[in-house]
Each structure stands twice: as C-alpha cells, then as structure tokens.
Amino acid sequence: MKYTDKIFRDFIYIEDIIQANIKAMHPKASGVYNVGTAKARSFQDIVDILQKELGSSYECEHIPNPFIGSYQFHTQADIQTTREGLGYEPAFEMEDAIRAYVPEIRRIYEMEVKK
C-alpha cells in the first residue's frame, strides 16, 4: 500500500462551495454548517484520476510525511445538519471536479510549462 493510500480528506469542488454559500444566505435556521461531500477520498485517488483524465502514466513520487504523530490521516465532513438546515447536497464527485479542471491544466501546461 502506498503512503498516499492511507491519507483521506473530504475534498470538495468549488461549485459545491458556491452552492452552499448561496443556500446559506437563506437558511432554515441560524447555525454553523459543515460544507463537504461526506466522502473521504485518498490523495492517491487524485493521482489516479488525473492520470486517467490526462492520459498519462507518470510515476508518482511519494515523500515521507514529516508530521507523523501530529498529522490527521482521515477527515470527513458530517453534513447532515447542512443538508437539513440549508437544503445542501453536494453535486460533484471528485472525478467530475478533476474532469472539469483538465482543460485549465492543459492550458497551463501549454502556456507555462512546455515552453
């Protein structure tokens, strides 16, 4: 198992954050709301999706985590209150979000890296 397979985060696409903020303008109740997807995904998932979408097979370089002992390896938002109070529901999976960003990755590569 790769090190990146052991670290999980609740990654969220900006469009879902915007949706939550708009809904927060008219909440059913005042409160503090978690915004996320309620799904923990690994850093390796990001690498795998990027490689698939970009058609690449570059080897991923893994570096040791210098914060072992004080690093949180798993985060996942509890959004039940957000669903109830804001009517919020995440609309994007990680695959959708990365796929939407691929044209910008390609543009940056062509304009700034490939030179």
Protein backbone atom coordinates (compact mmCIF):
# COMPACT_ATOMS: atom_id res chain seq x y z
CA MET A 1 0.00 0.00 0.00
CA LYS A 2 1.34 3.43 -0.96
CA TYR A 3 1.56 6.16 1.64
CA THR A 4 -0.98 8.26 -0.28
CA ASP A 5 -3.49 5.40 0.06
CA LYS A 6 -3.50 5.98 3.83
CA ILE A 7 -4.41 9.68 3.87
CA PHE A 8 -8.06 10.60 3.37
CA ARG A 9 -9.70 14.00 3.01
CA ASP A 10 -13.16 15.24 2.21
CA PHE A 11 -12.24 17.05 -1.00
CA ILE A 12 -14.89 19.40 -2.34
CA TYR A 13 -15.28 21.16 -5.68
CA ILE A 14 -15.63 24.94 -5.70
CA GLU A 15 -19.06 24.75 -7.38
CA ASP A 16 -20.38 22.88 -4.32
CA ILE A 17 -18.89 25.51 -2.00
CA ILE A 18 -20.61 28.23 -4.02
CA GLN A 19 -23.90 26.32 -3.86
CA ALA A 20 -23.60 26.01 -0.05
CA ASN A 21 -22.81 29.71 0.36
CA ILE A 22 -25.79 30.75 -1.74
CA LYS A 23 -28.06 28.44 0.26
CA ALA A 24 -26.59 29.85 3.49
CA MET A 25 -27.99 33.25 2.57
CA HIS A 26 -31.45 31.89 3.44
CA PRO A 27 -31.01 29.09 5.99
CA LYS A 28 -33.91 27.31 7.66
CA ALA A 29 -32.14 28.03 10.95
CA SER A 30 -29.14 30.06 12.06
CA GLY A 31 -26.15 27.93 12.85
CA VAL A 32 -22.74 26.61 11.95
CA TYR A 33 -22.74 24.35 8.91
CA ASN A 34 -20.09 21.94 7.67
CA VAL A 35 -19.62 22.00 3.92
CA GLY A 36 -18.12 18.95 2.27
CA THR A 37 -19.08 15.85 0.37
CA ALA A 38 -19.32 13.49 3.36
CA LYS A 39 -16.97 11.18 1.44
CA ALA A 40 -13.33 10.70 2.34
CA ARG A 41 -11.05 10.13 -0.65
CA SER A 42 -7.33 9.43 -0.78
CA PHE A 43 -4.59 11.56 -2.26
CA GLN A 44 -3.84 8.57 -4.46
CA ASP A 45 -7.37 8.89 -5.87
CA ILE A 46 -6.41 12.35 -7.13
CA VAL A 47 -3.28 10.99 -8.81
CA ASP A 48 -5.18 8.09 -10.39
CA ILE A 49 -7.99 10.31 -11.70
CA LEU A 50 -5.56 12.90 -13.07
CA GLN A 51 -3.56 10.23 -14.84
CA LYS A 52 -6.71 8.76 -16.37
CA GLU A 53 -8.09 12.14 -17.50
CA LEU A 54 -4.74 13.36 -18.84
CA GLY A 55 -3.84 10.04 -20.43
CA SER A 56 -0.53 9.92 -18.56
CA SER A 57 1.34 7.23 -16.72
CA TYR A 58 3.98 9.22 -14.89
CA GLU A 59 5.21 7.53 -11.76
CA CYS A 60 4.01 9.22 -8.60
CA GLU A 61 6.79 10.25 -6.25
CA HIS A 62 5.97 9.60 -2.62
CA ILE A 63 7.69 11.59 0.09
CA PRO A 64 7.66 10.77 3.81
CA ASN A 65 5.27 12.74 5.96
CA PRO A 66 7.38 14.81 8.38
CA PHE A 67 4.40 15.28 10.72
CA ILE A 68 3.82 11.68 11.83
CA GLY A 69 2.38 11.81 15.33
CA SER A 70 0.63 15.14 14.82
CA TYR A 71 -0.96 14.59 11.41
CA GLN A 72 -4.63 13.86 10.92
CA PHE A 73 -4.87 10.97 8.44
CA HIS A 74 -8.63 10.99 7.94
CA THR A 75 -11.09 13.86 7.67
CA GLN A 76 -14.67 13.58 6.51
CA ALA A 77 -17.35 16.23 6.94
CA ASP A 78 -20.57 15.40 8.72
CA ILE A 79 -23.04 17.35 6.58
CA GLN A 80 -26.35 16.07 7.94
CA THR A 81 -27.11 19.39 9.67
CA THR A 82 -26.12 21.23 6.49
CA ARG A 83 -28.46 19.08 4.43
CA GLU A 84 -31.31 19.78 6.84
CA GLY A 85 -30.60 23.46 7.56
CA LEU A 86 -29.59 24.61 4.10
CA GLY A 87 -31.04 22.02 1.78
CA TYR A 88 -27.45 21.48 0.62
CA GLU A 89 -26.46 18.39 -1.33
CA PRO A 90 -23.04 18.04 -2.97
CA ALA A 91 -23.41 17.79 -6.74
CA PHE A 92 -19.86 16.90 -7.82
CA GLU A 93 -17.81 13.75 -7.35
CA MET A 94 -14.04 14.11 -7.34
CA GLU A 95 -13.92 12.65 -10.85
CA ASP A 96 -16.33 15.34 -12.11
CA ALA A 97 -14.34 18.13 -10.48
CA ILE A 98 -11.00 16.99 -11.87
CA ARG A 99 -12.52 16.40 -15.32
CA ALA A 100 -13.87 19.97 -15.27
CA TYR A 101 -10.40 21.32 -14.42
CA VAL A 102 -8.44 19.32 -17.01
CA PRO A 103 -8.76 21.97 -19.76
CA GLU A 104 -7.12 24.51 -17.44
CA ILE A 105 -4.35 22.05 -16.55
CA ARG A 106 -3.69 21.53 -20.27
CA ARG A 107 -3.75 25.30 -20.92
CA ILE A 108 -1.26 26.00 -18.13
CA TYR A 109 0.99 23.21 -19.36
CA GLU A 110 0.98 24.53 -22.93
CA MET A 111 1.45 28.18 -21.96
CA GLU A 112 3.81 27.96 -18.98
CA VAL A 113 5.47 24.58 -18.67
CA LYS A 114 6.03 23.18 -22.15
CA LYS A 115 7.83 26.29 -23.46
